[in-house]
């Protein structure tokens, strides 16, 4: 077939590598930004008016960050750990969809022509796999929010599995 003359396997590989590097860059830039912006200000004497202004501004910022970020992290942590009914349903759903995705892979890989030209709109298994991968992408972001150290999360083995399975399905 005409479409098989020029192989484009590298597009799939690059989508995974780019996703990993872009995520890593975002986390590192966030850390640099947090380091530069959130360093301790110079200490003033307790009666200095500048000290009182800075303390009030800092407290307002910490209240917002402390409540919103903590709430989001707690919510995500409960979901992925299965501590709530919704979390248990999510964990079971991840397991079932992982097995279903593996079955779809076996179906696609066992066909006579593994590499074949087929319109995406006519390929039901690719459509189902894309839907599963959208779900896995949302689950990845929930795990990312729940992670206490975002950089280590980006370097975990399970994250690498996600980098090399989710982005290629969008290509």
N, C-alpha and C. Protein backbone atom coordinates (compact mmCIF):
# COMPACT_ATOMS: atom_id res chain seq x y z
N UNK A 1 0.84 -1.19 0.00
CA UNK A 1 0.00 0.00 0.00
C UNK A 1 0.88 1.25 0.00
N UNK A 2 0.33 2.30 -0.52
CA UNK A 2 1.06 3.56 -0.66
C UNK A 2 1.49 4.13 0.69
N UNK A 3 0.65 4.00 1.69
CA UNK A 3 0.96 4.61 3.00
C UNK A 3 2.08 3.88 3.74
N UNK A 4 2.40 2.66 3.36
CA UNK A 4 3.44 1.90 4.05
C UNK A 4 4.83 2.11 3.45
N UNK A 5 4.93 2.90 2.37
CA UNK A 5 6.24 3.12 1.75
C UNK A 5 7.18 3.89 2.66
N UNK A 6 6.65 4.86 3.35
CA UNK A 6 7.49 5.64 4.27
C UNK A 6 7.02 5.38 5.70
N UNK A 7 7.83 4.68 6.45
CA UNK A 7 7.48 4.33 7.83
C UNK A 7 7.63 5.55 8.73
N UNK A 8 6.72 5.70 9.66
CA UNK A 8 6.73 6.87 10.56
C UNK A 8 6.79 6.45 12.02
N UNK A 9 7.48 5.35 12.32
CA UNK A 9 7.58 4.86 13.70
C UNK A 9 8.21 5.90 14.61
N UNK A 10 9.11 6.70 14.07
CA UNK A 10 9.83 7.69 14.87
C UNK A 10 8.89 8.77 15.42
N UNK A 11 7.77 9.01 14.74
CA UNK A 11 6.79 9.99 15.25
C UNK A 11 6.24 9.54 16.60
N UNK A 12 5.96 8.25 16.71
CA UNK A 12 5.42 7.71 17.96
C UNK A 12 6.46 7.78 19.08
N UNK A 13 7.69 7.43 18.74
CA UNK A 13 8.77 7.48 19.73
C UNK A 13 9.03 8.91 20.17
N UNK A 14 9.08 9.84 19.21
CA UNK A 14 9.32 11.24 19.56
C UNK A 14 8.19 11.84 20.40
N UNK A 15 6.95 11.40 20.16
CA UNK A 15 5.85 11.92 20.97
C UNK A 15 6.04 11.55 22.44
N UNK A 16 6.55 10.34 22.68
CA UNK A 16 6.80 9.90 24.05
C UNK A 16 7.96 10.66 24.67
N UNK A 17 9.05 10.78 23.92
CA UNK A 17 10.24 11.47 24.44
C UNK A 17 9.93 12.94 24.68
N UNK A 18 9.23 13.57 23.75
CA UNK A 18 8.87 14.98 23.91
C UNK A 18 7.97 15.19 25.12
N UNK A 19 7.00 14.29 25.32
CA UNK A 19 6.10 14.40 26.48
C UNK A 19 6.89 14.34 27.78
N UNK A 20 7.82 13.38 27.87
CA UNK A 20 8.64 13.26 29.07
C UNK A 20 9.48 14.51 29.29
N UNK A 21 10.19 14.96 28.25
CA UNK A 21 11.08 16.13 28.39
C UNK A 21 10.29 17.40 28.69
N UNK A 22 9.14 17.58 28.05
CA UNK A 22 8.32 18.76 28.31
C UNK A 22 7.81 18.76 29.75
N UNK A 23 7.35 17.61 30.23
CA UNK A 23 6.89 17.51 31.62
C UNK A 23 8.00 17.79 32.60
N UNK A 24 9.17 17.23 32.33
CA UNK A 24 10.34 17.45 33.19
C UNK A 24 10.73 18.93 33.20
N UNK A 25 10.72 19.56 32.04
CA UNK A 25 11.05 20.98 31.93
C UNK A 25 10.07 21.83 32.72
N UNK A 26 8.79 21.53 32.63
CA UNK A 26 7.78 22.29 33.37
C UNK A 26 7.99 22.16 34.87
N UNK A 27 8.25 20.94 35.35
CA UNK A 27 8.47 20.74 36.78
C UNK A 27 9.73 21.48 37.24
N UNK A 28 10.80 21.39 36.45
CA UNK A 28 12.05 22.07 36.82
C UNK A 28 11.89 23.59 36.79
N UNK A 29 11.19 24.12 35.78
CA UNK A 29 10.94 25.57 35.73
C UNK A 29 10.10 26.02 36.92
N UNK A 30 9.12 25.21 37.29
CA UNK A 30 8.28 25.52 38.45
C UNK A 30 9.14 25.58 39.72
N UNK A 31 10.07 24.63 39.86
CA UNK A 31 10.95 24.62 41.03
C UNK A 31 11.86 25.84 41.06
N UNK A 32 12.41 26.21 39.90
CA UNK A 32 13.27 27.39 39.83
C UNK A 32 12.46 28.64 40.17
N UNK A 33 11.26 28.74 39.60
CA UNK A 33 10.37 29.87 39.89
C UNK A 33 10.04 29.94 41.38
N UNK A 34 9.70 28.81 41.97
CA UNK A 34 9.37 28.77 43.40
C UNK A 34 10.58 29.14 44.25
N UNK A 35 11.77 28.70 43.84
CA UNK A 35 12.98 29.02 44.57
C UNK A 35 13.26 30.52 44.52
N UNK A 36 13.13 31.11 43.34
CA UNK A 36 13.43 32.53 43.18
C UNK A 36 12.38 33.43 43.84
N UNK A 37 11.14 33.03 43.79
CA UNK A 37 10.06 33.89 44.30
C UNK A 37 9.73 33.66 45.77
N UNK A 38 10.02 32.52 46.27
CA UNK A 38 9.56 32.17 47.62
C UNK A 38 10.70 32.06 48.62
N UNK A 39 11.81 32.72 48.34
CA UNK A 39 12.89 32.72 49.32
C UNK A 39 12.50 33.62 50.48
N UNK A 40 13.13 33.39 51.61
CA UNK A 40 12.84 34.20 52.79
C UNK A 40 13.27 35.64 52.55
N UNK A 41 12.38 36.55 52.92
CA UNK A 41 12.72 37.96 52.82
C UNK A 41 13.63 38.34 53.99
N UNK A 42 14.39 39.41 53.83
CA UNK A 42 15.25 39.84 54.94
C UNK A 42 14.41 40.17 56.17
N UNK A 43 14.96 39.85 57.30
CA UNK A 43 14.25 40.08 58.56
C UNK A 43 14.30 41.56 58.94
N UNK A 44 13.18 42.05 59.40
CA UNK A 44 13.09 43.41 59.93
C UNK A 44 12.87 43.31 61.43
N UNK A 45 13.05 44.40 62.09
CA UNK A 45 12.78 44.40 63.53
C UNK A 45 11.28 44.22 63.73
N UNK A 46 10.86 43.65 64.86
CA UNK A 46 9.44 43.35 65.08
C UNK A 46 8.53 44.57 64.99
N UNK A 47 9.02 45.75 65.28
CA UNK A 47 8.17 46.94 65.27
C UNK A 47 8.20 47.67 63.93
N UNK A 48 8.98 47.21 62.99
CA UNK A 48 9.10 47.86 61.68
C UNK A 48 7.78 47.70 60.91
N UNK A 49 7.21 48.78 60.36
CA UNK A 49 5.94 48.68 59.62
C UNK A 49 6.05 47.78 58.38
N UNK A 50 7.24 47.74 57.76
CA UNK A 50 7.41 46.87 56.58
C UNK A 50 7.25 45.40 56.97
N UNK A 51 7.69 45.05 58.17
CA UNK A 51 7.58 43.67 58.66
C UNK A 51 6.11 43.27 58.75
N UNK A 52 5.27 44.17 59.28
CA UNK A 52 3.85 43.86 59.44
C UNK A 52 3.16 43.71 58.08
N UNK A 53 3.51 44.58 57.12
CA UNK A 53 2.91 44.51 55.78
C UNK A 53 3.27 43.19 55.09
N UNK A 54 4.54 42.83 55.17
CA UNK A 54 4.98 41.60 54.51
C UNK A 54 4.35 40.37 55.15
N UNK A 55 4.21 40.40 56.46
CA UNK A 55 3.63 39.25 57.16
C UNK A 55 2.16 39.07 56.75
N UNK A 56 1.43 40.18 56.63
CA UNK A 56 0.02 40.10 56.22
C UNK A 56 -0.10 39.59 54.78
N UNK A 57 0.75 40.09 53.89
CA UNK A 57 0.70 39.66 52.49
C UNK A 57 1.05 38.18 52.37
N UNK A 58 2.08 37.75 53.11
CA UNK A 58 2.50 36.36 53.08
C UNK A 58 1.41 35.45 53.62
N UNK A 59 0.76 35.88 54.68
CA UNK A 59 -0.27 35.04 55.30
C UNK A 59 -1.45 34.84 54.34
N UNK A 60 -1.87 35.89 53.63
CA UNK A 60 -2.95 35.76 52.66
C UNK A 60 -2.60 34.80 51.55
N UNK A 61 -1.37 34.88 51.06
CA UNK A 61 -0.90 33.99 50.00
C UNK A 61 -0.84 32.55 50.51
N UNK A 62 -0.33 32.35 51.72
CA UNK A 62 -0.21 31.01 52.28
C UNK A 62 -1.58 30.40 52.53
N UNK A 63 -2.55 31.23 52.92
CA UNK A 63 -3.89 30.69 53.17
C UNK A 63 -4.47 30.13 51.89
N UNK A 64 -4.34 30.89 50.77
CA UNK A 64 -4.87 30.41 49.49
C UNK A 64 -4.14 29.15 49.05
N UNK A 65 -2.80 29.21 49.03
CA UNK A 65 -2.02 28.05 48.60
C UNK A 65 -2.24 26.88 49.54
N UNK A 66 -2.29 27.16 50.82
CA UNK A 66 -2.47 26.10 51.80
C UNK A 66 -3.80 25.42 51.68
N UNK A 67 -4.85 26.16 51.41
CA UNK A 67 -6.17 25.53 51.33
C UNK A 67 -6.40 24.88 49.98
N UNK A 68 -6.19 25.61 48.88
CA UNK A 68 -6.50 25.07 47.55
C UNK A 68 -5.59 23.91 47.20
N UNK A 69 -4.29 24.11 47.33
CA UNK A 69 -3.34 23.06 46.94
C UNK A 69 -3.46 21.84 47.85
N UNK A 70 -3.65 22.08 49.13
CA UNK A 70 -3.79 20.96 50.07
C UNK A 70 -5.07 20.18 49.78
N UNK A 71 -6.15 20.91 49.52
CA UNK A 71 -7.42 20.24 49.20
C UNK A 71 -7.30 19.39 47.94
N UNK A 72 -6.68 19.96 46.90
CA UNK A 72 -6.52 19.23 45.63
C UNK A 72 -5.66 17.99 45.83
N UNK A 73 -4.58 18.16 46.59
CA UNK A 73 -3.67 17.04 46.84
C UNK A 73 -4.35 15.95 47.67
N UNK A 74 -5.10 16.35 48.69
CA UNK A 74 -5.83 15.39 49.52
C UNK A 74 -6.87 14.63 48.70
N UNK A 75 -7.61 15.38 47.88
CA UNK A 75 -8.64 14.77 47.03
C UNK A 75 -8.01 13.75 46.09
N UNK A 76 -6.93 14.13 45.43
CA UNK A 76 -6.26 13.23 44.49
C UNK A 76 -5.68 12.02 45.22
N UNK A 77 -5.11 12.25 46.40
CA UNK A 77 -4.55 11.16 47.19
C UNK A 77 -5.60 10.15 47.61
N UNK A 78 -6.77 10.64 48.01
CA UNK A 78 -7.87 9.74 48.38
C UNK A 78 -8.34 8.93 47.18
N UNK A 79 -8.41 9.60 46.03
CA UNK A 79 -8.88 8.90 44.82
C UNK A 79 -7.96 7.76 44.42
N UNK A 80 -6.66 8.01 44.37
CA UNK A 80 -5.76 6.97 43.88
C UNK A 80 -5.47 5.89 44.91
N UNK A 81 -5.69 6.20 46.19
CA UNK A 81 -5.41 5.19 47.21
C UNK A 81 -6.59 4.26 47.45
N UNK A 82 -7.76 4.63 46.98
CA UNK A 82 -8.93 3.79 47.18
C UNK A 82 -9.50 3.87 48.59
N UNK A 83 -9.31 5.01 49.26
CA UNK A 83 -9.82 5.17 50.63
C UNK A 83 -11.31 5.46 50.65
N UNK A 84 -11.83 5.99 49.55
CA UNK A 84 -13.26 6.30 49.47
C UNK A 84 -13.91 5.35 48.46
N UNK A 85 -15.23 5.36 48.43
CA UNK A 85 -15.94 4.52 47.46
C UNK A 85 -15.56 4.93 46.04
N UNK A 86 -15.50 6.24 45.78
CA UNK A 86 -15.11 6.72 44.46
C UNK A 86 -13.70 6.27 44.12
N UNK A 87 -12.81 6.33 45.10
CA UNK A 87 -11.43 5.89 44.89
C UNK A 87 -11.34 4.41 44.58
N UNK A 88 -12.14 3.60 45.28
CA UNK A 88 -12.15 2.16 45.02
C UNK A 88 -12.64 1.86 43.60
N UNK A 89 -13.70 2.59 43.21
CA UNK A 89 -14.23 2.42 41.86
C UNK A 89 -13.17 2.79 40.83
N UNK A 90 -12.45 3.88 41.08
CA UNK A 90 -11.40 4.32 40.16
C UNK A 90 -10.29 3.28 40.04
N UNK A 91 -9.86 2.73 41.16
CA UNK A 91 -8.79 1.73 41.16
C UNK A 91 -9.23 0.48 40.38
N UNK A 92 -10.45 0.03 40.60
CA UNK A 92 -10.96 -1.13 39.87
C UNK A 92 -11.09 -0.81 38.38
N UNK A 93 -11.55 0.39 38.07
CA UNK A 93 -11.69 0.81 36.67
C UNK A 93 -10.33 0.86 35.97
N UNK A 94 -9.32 1.36 36.65
CA UNK A 94 -7.97 1.39 36.07
C UNK A 94 -7.50 -0.03 35.77
N UNK A 95 -7.74 -0.95 36.69
CA UNK A 95 -7.34 -2.35 36.48
C UNK A 95 -8.07 -2.95 35.27
N UNK A 96 -9.38 -2.78 35.23
CA UNK A 96 -10.18 -3.36 34.15
C UNK A 96 -9.78 -2.77 32.79
N UNK A 97 -9.61 -1.45 32.74
CA UNK A 97 -9.25 -0.81 31.47
C UNK A 97 -7.82 -1.17 31.05
N UNK A 98 -6.94 -1.40 32.00
CA UNK A 98 -5.58 -1.84 31.66
C UNK A 98 -5.61 -3.21 31.00
N UNK A 99 -6.40 -4.12 31.56
CA UNK A 99 -6.53 -5.46 30.97
C UNK A 99 -7.20 -5.36 29.60
N UNK A 100 -8.24 -4.53 29.50
CA UNK A 100 -8.93 -4.36 28.21
C UNK A 100 -7.99 -3.77 27.16
N UNK A 101 -7.15 -2.84 27.56
CA UNK A 101 -6.19 -2.24 26.64
C UNK A 101 -5.17 -3.28 26.17
N UNK A 102 -4.76 -4.15 27.07
CA UNK A 102 -3.84 -5.23 26.71
C UNK A 102 -4.50 -6.19 25.71
N UNK A 103 -5.76 -6.49 25.93
CA UNK A 103 -6.50 -7.37 25.01
C UNK A 103 -6.59 -6.72 23.62
N UNK A 104 -6.86 -5.41 23.59
CA UNK A 104 -6.91 -4.69 22.31
C UNK A 104 -5.55 -4.76 21.62
N UNK A 105 -4.48 -4.63 22.39
CA UNK A 105 -3.13 -4.74 21.82
C UNK A 105 -2.94 -6.13 21.20
N UNK A 106 -3.34 -7.18 21.92
CA UNK A 106 -3.21 -8.54 21.40
C UNK A 106 -4.02 -8.72 20.12
N UNK A 107 -5.22 -8.15 20.09
CA UNK A 107 -6.06 -8.25 18.89
C UNK A 107 -5.38 -7.56 17.71
N UNK A 108 -4.89 -6.35 17.93
CA UNK A 108 -4.23 -5.60 16.85
C UNK A 108 -2.94 -6.28 16.40
N UNK A 109 -2.17 -6.80 17.35
CA UNK A 109 -0.87 -7.41 17.02
C UNK A 109 -1.02 -8.79 16.40
N UNK A 110 -2.15 -9.45 16.61
CA UNK A 110 -2.31 -10.81 16.08
C UNK A 110 -2.98 -10.84 14.71
N UNK A 111 -3.40 -9.70 14.20
CA UNK A 111 -4.00 -9.70 12.86
C UNK A 111 -2.92 -10.02 11.84
N UNK A 112 -3.32 -10.52 10.68
CA UNK A 112 -2.35 -10.96 9.68
C UNK A 112 -1.43 -9.83 9.25
N UNK A 113 -1.98 -8.67 9.03
CA UNK A 113 -1.16 -7.52 8.68
C UNK A 113 -1.09 -6.60 9.90
N UNK A 114 0.01 -6.68 10.62
CA UNK A 114 0.14 -5.85 11.82
C UNK A 114 0.17 -4.38 11.42
N UNK A 115 0.97 -4.08 10.42
CA UNK A 115 1.01 -2.71 9.91
C UNK A 115 0.15 -2.67 8.66
N UNK A 116 -0.97 -2.00 8.75
CA UNK A 116 -1.85 -1.89 7.59
C UNK A 116 -2.41 -0.48 7.52
N UNK A 117 -2.74 -0.09 6.32
CA UNK A 117 -3.32 1.23 6.11
C UNK A 117 -4.82 1.12 6.34
N UNK A 118 -5.27 1.82 7.34
CA UNK A 118 -6.70 1.79 7.63
C UNK A 118 -7.11 3.14 8.18
N UNK A 119 -8.21 3.63 7.72
CA UNK A 119 -8.72 4.91 8.19
C UNK A 119 -9.08 4.80 9.67
N UNK A 120 -8.75 5.84 10.44
CA UNK A 120 -9.03 5.80 11.87
C UNK A 120 -10.52 5.65 12.13
N UNK A 121 -11.34 6.27 11.29
CA UNK A 121 -12.79 6.20 11.50
C UNK A 121 -13.34 4.79 11.27
N UNK A 122 -12.59 3.94 10.56
CA UNK A 122 -13.02 2.55 10.34
C UNK A 122 -12.39 1.56 11.31
N UNK A 123 -11.45 2.02 12.13
CA UNK A 123 -10.72 1.12 13.02
C UNK A 123 -11.28 1.23 14.44
N UNK A 124 -12.16 0.34 14.79
CA UNK A 124 -12.85 0.39 16.08
C UNK A 124 -11.88 0.17 17.24
N UNK A 125 -10.91 -0.74 17.08
CA UNK A 125 -9.99 -1.01 18.19
C UNK A 125 -9.13 0.22 18.51
N UNK A 126 -8.73 0.98 17.49
CA UNK A 126 -7.97 2.21 17.76
C UNK A 126 -8.83 3.25 18.46
N UNK A 127 -10.08 3.33 18.10
CA UNK A 127 -10.98 4.29 18.74
C UNK A 127 -11.18 3.95 20.21
N UNK A 128 -11.38 2.67 20.49
CA UNK A 128 -11.55 2.23 21.88
C UNK A 128 -10.26 2.47 22.66
N UNK A 129 -9.12 2.15 22.04
CA UNK A 129 -7.83 2.36 22.70
C UNK A 129 -7.59 3.84 22.99
N UNK A 130 -7.99 4.71 22.09
CA UNK A 130 -7.85 6.15 22.33
C UNK A 130 -8.70 6.58 23.52
N UNK A 131 -9.92 6.07 23.60
CA UNK A 131 -10.79 6.40 24.75
C UNK A 131 -10.15 5.92 26.05
N UNK A 132 -9.60 4.72 26.05
CA UNK A 132 -8.91 4.21 27.24
C UNK A 132 -7.72 5.11 27.60
N UNK A 133 -6.96 5.52 26.59
CA UNK A 133 -5.78 6.34 26.86
C UNK A 133 -6.14 7.74 27.34
N UNK A 134 -7.28 8.26 26.94
CA UNK A 134 -7.75 9.53 27.50
C UNK A 134 -8.01 9.34 28.99
N UNK A 135 -8.65 8.23 29.35
CA UNK A 135 -8.89 7.92 30.76
C UNK A 135 -7.56 7.77 31.51
N UNK A 136 -6.59 7.05 30.93
CA UNK A 136 -5.28 6.87 31.58
C UNK A 136 -4.54 8.20 31.73
N UNK A 137 -4.74 9.11 30.78
CA UNK A 137 -4.11 10.42 30.88
C UNK A 137 -4.70 11.21 32.06
N UNK A 138 -6.01 11.16 32.22
CA UNK A 138 -6.65 11.82 33.36
C UNK A 138 -6.15 11.20 34.66
N UNK A 139 -6.04 9.89 34.70
CA UNK A 139 -5.53 9.19 35.88
C UNK A 139 -4.08 9.59 36.17
N UNK A 140 -3.28 9.76 35.12
CA UNK A 140 -1.89 10.22 35.27
C UNK A 140 -1.87 11.59 35.96
N UNK A 141 -2.73 12.51 35.51
CA UNK A 141 -2.77 13.85 36.11
C UNK A 141 -3.25 13.81 37.56
N UNK A 142 -4.18 12.92 37.87
CA UNK A 142 -4.62 12.77 39.26
C UNK A 142 -3.45 12.28 40.12
N UNK A 143 -2.70 11.30 39.62
CA UNK A 143 -1.52 10.82 40.35
C UNK A 143 -0.47 11.92 40.49
N UNK A 144 -0.32 12.74 39.45
CA UNK A 144 0.64 13.84 39.49
C UNK A 144 0.26 14.85 40.57
N UNK A 145 -1.01 15.19 40.65
CA UNK A 145 -1.49 16.13 41.68
C UNK A 145 -1.24 15.56 43.06
N UNK A 146 -1.46 14.25 43.23
CA UNK A 146 -1.31 13.62 44.54
C UNK A 146 0.15 13.45 44.96
N UNK A 147 1.07 13.49 44.00
CA UNK A 147 2.48 13.24 44.31
C UNK A 147 3.05 14.35 45.17
N UNK A 148 3.77 13.97 46.22
CA UNK A 148 4.38 14.98 47.09
C UNK A 148 5.61 15.58 46.43
N UNK A 149 6.36 14.80 45.68
CA UNK A 149 7.52 15.31 44.95
C UNK A 149 7.28 15.09 43.47
N UNK A 150 6.95 16.17 42.77
CA UNK A 150 6.59 16.08 41.35
C UNK A 150 7.75 15.58 40.49
N UNK A 151 8.98 15.98 40.83
CA UNK A 151 10.14 15.56 40.03
C UNK A 151 10.35 14.05 40.13
N UNK A 152 10.28 13.50 41.33
CA UNK A 152 10.44 12.05 41.48
C UNK A 152 9.29 11.31 40.82
N UNK A 153 8.10 11.89 40.86
CA UNK A 153 6.96 11.28 40.18
C UNK A 153 7.23 11.16 38.68
N UNK A 154 7.80 12.22 38.10
CA UNK A 154 8.10 12.21 36.66
C UNK A 154 9.12 11.13 36.30
N UNK A 155 9.95 10.73 37.27
CA UNK A 155 11.02 9.76 37.02
C UNK A 155 10.67 8.34 37.46
N UNK A 156 9.44 8.13 37.97
CA UNK A 156 9.02 6.79 38.40
C UNK A 156 8.82 5.86 37.20
N UNK A 157 8.95 4.56 37.45
CA UNK A 157 8.77 3.58 36.39
C UNK A 157 7.35 3.64 35.80
N UNK A 158 6.33 3.76 36.66
CA UNK A 158 4.95 3.80 36.17
C UNK A 158 4.71 5.02 35.30
N UNK A 159 5.39 6.12 35.60
CA UNK A 159 5.26 7.31 34.76
C UNK A 159 5.87 7.06 33.39
N UNK A 160 7.00 6.34 33.35
CA UNK A 160 7.61 6.02 32.06
C UNK A 160 6.71 5.10 31.23
N UNK A 161 6.02 4.19 31.90
CA UNK A 161 5.06 3.35 31.19
C UNK A 161 4.00 4.24 30.54
N UNK A 162 3.54 5.24 31.28
CA UNK A 162 2.55 6.17 30.74
C UNK A 162 3.11 6.99 29.57
N UNK A 163 4.35 7.47 29.69
CA UNK A 163 4.94 8.26 28.60
C UNK A 163 4.98 7.49 27.29
N UNK A 164 5.25 6.19 27.39
CA UNK A 164 5.43 5.41 26.17
C UNK A 164 4.17 4.69 25.71
N UNK A 165 3.07 4.84 26.44
CA UNK A 165 1.82 4.23 25.99
C UNK A 165 0.74 5.26 25.66
N UNK A 166 0.67 6.35 26.40
CA UNK A 166 -0.42 7.31 26.19
C UNK A 166 -0.17 8.24 24.99
N UNK A 167 0.95 8.99 24.93
CA UNK A 167 1.12 9.94 23.81
C UNK A 167 1.04 9.32 22.41
N UNK A 168 1.61 8.13 22.17
CA UNK A 168 1.52 7.59 20.80
C UNK A 168 0.09 7.35 20.32
N UNK A 169 -0.84 7.14 21.23
CA UNK A 169 -2.22 6.90 20.79
C UNK A 169 -2.86 8.17 20.23
N UNK A 170 -2.29 9.33 20.55
CA UNK A 170 -2.82 10.59 20.03
C UNK A 170 -2.19 10.97 18.69
N UNK A 171 -1.11 10.26 18.32
CA UNK A 171 -0.40 10.59 17.07
C UNK A 171 -1.11 9.97 15.88
